[in-house]
C-alpha atoms as a PDB file:
ATOM      1  CA  MET A   1     142.953  96.158 303.947  1.00  0.00           C
ATOM      2  CA  ASN A   2     140.121  93.956 302.760  1.00  0.00           C
ATOM      3  CA  SER A   3     139.825  92.840 299.126  1.00  0.00           C
ATOM      4  CA  LYS A   4     136.743  94.998 298.406  1.00  0.00           C
ATOM      5  CA  ALA A   5     138.619  98.121 299.434  1.00  0.00           C
ATOM      6  CA  VAL A   6     141.580  97.150 297.264  1.00  0.00           C
ATOM      7  CA  GLN A   7     139.283  96.518 294.279  1.00  0.00           C
ATOM      8  CA  SER A   8     137.550  99.867 294.816  1.00  0.00           C
ATOM      9  CA  ILE A   9     140.868 101.748 294.969  1.00  0.00           C
ATOM     10  CA  SER A  10     142.115  99.902 291.904  1.00  0.00           C
ATOM     11  CA  LYS A  11     138.963 100.746 289.924  1.00  0.00           C
ATOM     12  CA  SER A  12     139.162 104.394 290.978  1.00  0.00           C
ATOM     13  CA  ALA A  13     142.798 104.621 289.905  1.00  0.00           C
ATOM     14  CA  SER A  14     142.020 103.001 286.554  1.00  0.00           C
ATOM     15  CA  ALA A  15     139.125 105.395 285.964  1.00  0.00           C
ATOM     16  CA  ALA A  16     141.286 108.388 286.820  1.00  0.00           C
ATOM     17  CA  ALA A  17     144.034 107.204 284.462  1.00  0.00           C
ATOM     18  CA  GLY A  18     141.451 106.709 281.701  1.00  0.00           C
ATOM     19  CA  SER A  19     140.102 110.222 282.235  1.00  0.00           C
ATOM     20  CA  LEU A  20     143.593 111.708 282.025  1.00  0.00           C
ATOM     21  CA  GLY A  21     144.290 109.756 278.839  1.00  0.00           C
ATOM     22  CA  THR A  22     141.045 110.970 277.294  1.00  0.00           C
ATOM     23  CA  ALA A  23     141.841 114.562 278.242  1.00  0.00           C
ATOM     24  CA  ALA A  24     145.306 114.262 276.703  1.00  0.00           C
ATOM     25  CA  VAL A  25     143.870 112.908 273.446  1.00  0.00           C
ATOM     26  CA  ALA A  26     141.281 115.687 273.342  1.00  0.00           C
ATOM     27  CA  ALA A  27     143.966 118.316 273.941  1.00  0.00           C
ATOM     28  CA  ALA A  28     146.164 116.856 271.205  1.00  0.00           C
ATOM     29  CA  SER A  29     143.210 116.840 268.802  1.00  0.00           C
ATOM     30  CA  ALA A  30     142.460 120.477 269.596  1.00  0.00           C
ATOM     31  CA  VAL A  31     146.071 121.465 268.954  1.00  0.00           C
ATOM     32  CA  ALA A  32     146.089 119.594 265.639  1.00  0.00           C
ATOM     33  CA  ALA A  33     142.809 121.243 264.580  1.00  0.00           C
ATOM     34  CA  ALA A  34     144.178 124.673 265.459  1.00  0.00           C
ATOM     35  CA  ALA A  35     147.309 124.009 263.406  1.00  0.00           C
ATOM     36  CA  VAL A  36     145.245 122.997 260.366  1.00  0.00           C
ATOM     37  CA  ALA A  37     143.004 126.044 260.731  1.00  0.00           C
ATOM     38  CA  ALA A  38     146.019 128.352 260.989  1.00  0.00           C
ATOM     39  CA  SER A  39     147.587 126.836 257.878  1.00  0.00           C
ATOM     40  CA  ILE A  40     144.379 127.432 255.926  1.00  0.00           C
ATOM     41  CA  VAL A  41     143.986 131.011 257.135  1.00  0.00           C
ATOM     42  CA  LEU A  42     147.631 131.889 256.520  1.00  0.00           C
ATOM     43  CA  SER A  43     147.953 130.179 253.127  1.00  0.00           C
ATOM     44  CA  PRO A  44     148.121 132.461 250.097  1.00  0.00           C
ATOM     45  CA  VAL A  45     144.901 133.046 248.189  1.00  0.00           C
ATOM     46  CA  PRO A  46     145.037 131.564 244.678  1.00  0.00           C
ATOM     47  CA  ASP A  47     144.470 133.889 241.759  1.00  0.00           C
ATOM     48  CA  ALA A  48     141.104 133.937 239.976  1.00  0.00           C
ATOM     49  CA  THR A  49     142.290 131.774 237.075  1.00  0.00           C
ATOM     50  CA  SER A  50     143.563 129.061 239.427  1.00  0.00           C
ATOM     51  CA  ARG A  51     140.308 129.152 241.338  1.00  0.00           C
ATOM     52  CA  MET A  52     138.311 128.736 238.137  1.00  0.00           C
ATOM     53  CA  ASP A  53     140.537 125.840 237.065  1.00  0.00           C
ATOM     54  CA  GLY A  54     139.751 124.147 240.370  1.00  0.00           C
ATOM     55  CA  VAL A  55     136.031 124.820 240.015  1.00  0.00           C
ATOM     56  CA  HIS A  56     136.070 123.388 236.497  1.00  0.00           C
ATOM     57  CA  ALA A  57     137.906 120.247 237.641  1.00  0.00           C
ATOM     58  CA  ASP A  58     135.541 119.733 240.573  1.00  0.00           C
ATOM     59  CA  LEU A  59     132.465 120.148 238.394  1.00  0.00           C
ATOM     60  CA  LEU A  60     133.868 117.811 235.744  1.00  0.00           C
ATOM     61  CA  ARG A  61     134.411 115.181 238.430  1.00  0.00           C
ATOM     62  CA  ALA A  62     130.848 115.677 239.727  1.00  0.00           C
ATOM     63  CA  VAL A  63     129.494 115.119 236.200  1.00  0.00           C
ATOM     64  CA  GLN A  64     131.614 111.973 235.813  1.00  0.00           C
ATOM     65  CA  LEU A  65     130.205 110.650 239.085  1.00  0.00           C
ATOM     66  CA  ASN A  66     126.650 111.446 237.897  1.00  0.00           C
ATOM     67  CA  GLN A  67     126.138 113.819 240.827  1.00  0.00           C
ATOM     68  CA  ILE A  68     125.065 116.642 238.509  1.00  0.00           C
ATOM     69  CA  THR A  69     124.316 116.972 234.800  1.00  0.00           C
ATOM     70  CA  ALA A  70     126.664 118.617 232.324  1.00  0.00           C
ATOM     71  CA  GLU A  71     124.118 121.407 231.867  1.00  0.00           C
ATOM     72  CA  GLN A  72     123.991 122.062 235.612  1.00  0.00           C
ATOM     73  CA  ALA A  73     127.787 122.149 235.723  1.00  0.00           C
ATOM     74  CA  GLU A  74     127.953 124.672 232.864  1.00  0.00           C
ATOM     75  CA  LYS A  75     125.381 126.971 234.462  1.00  0.00           C
ATOM     76  CA  PHE A  76     127.034 126.798 237.872  1.00  0.00           C
ATOM     77  CA  GLU A  77     130.502 127.374 236.432  1.00  0.00           C
ATOM     78  CA  ALA A  78     129.255 130.421 234.513  1.00  0.00           C
ATOM     79  CA  LYS A  79     127.635 131.781 237.681  1.00  0.00           C
ATOM     80  CA  LEU A  80     130.835 131.312 239.686  1.00  0.00           C
ATOM     81  CA  ALA A  81     132.975 132.725 236.898  1.00  0.00           C
ATOM     82  CA  GLY A  82     130.983 135.935 237.097  1.00  0.00           C
ATOM     83  CA  ARG A  83     131.596 136.160 240.827  1.00  0.00           C
ATOM     84  CA  ILE A  84     135.212 134.996 240.934  1.00  0.00           C
ATOM     85  CA  LEU A  85     136.463 136.812 237.846  1.00  0.00           C
ATOM     86  CA  GLY A  86     134.409 139.855 238.778  1.00  0.00           C
ATOM     87  CA  GLU A  87     136.429 140.113 242.015  1.00  0.00           C
ATOM     88  CA  ALA A  88     139.767 139.978 240.190  1.00  0.00           C
END
């Protein structure tokens, strides 16, 4: 067999192996994403008070990072409190 044919076969084999490796990584990523999604869907829903505590903490952090003003945080928290506590 001449050297060009050997090089061509070698390149084809390398490309095929790379494609299989990429497919395996993609499949593993899909399985991991599905596992995370299932854990979120199947996790228990926190009660309204816990949810509001989380909202308050997140808004406080946003104010500290100067992403929103304290007034905006208060208004938004009050709006969410009406929705979240209204559901409870």
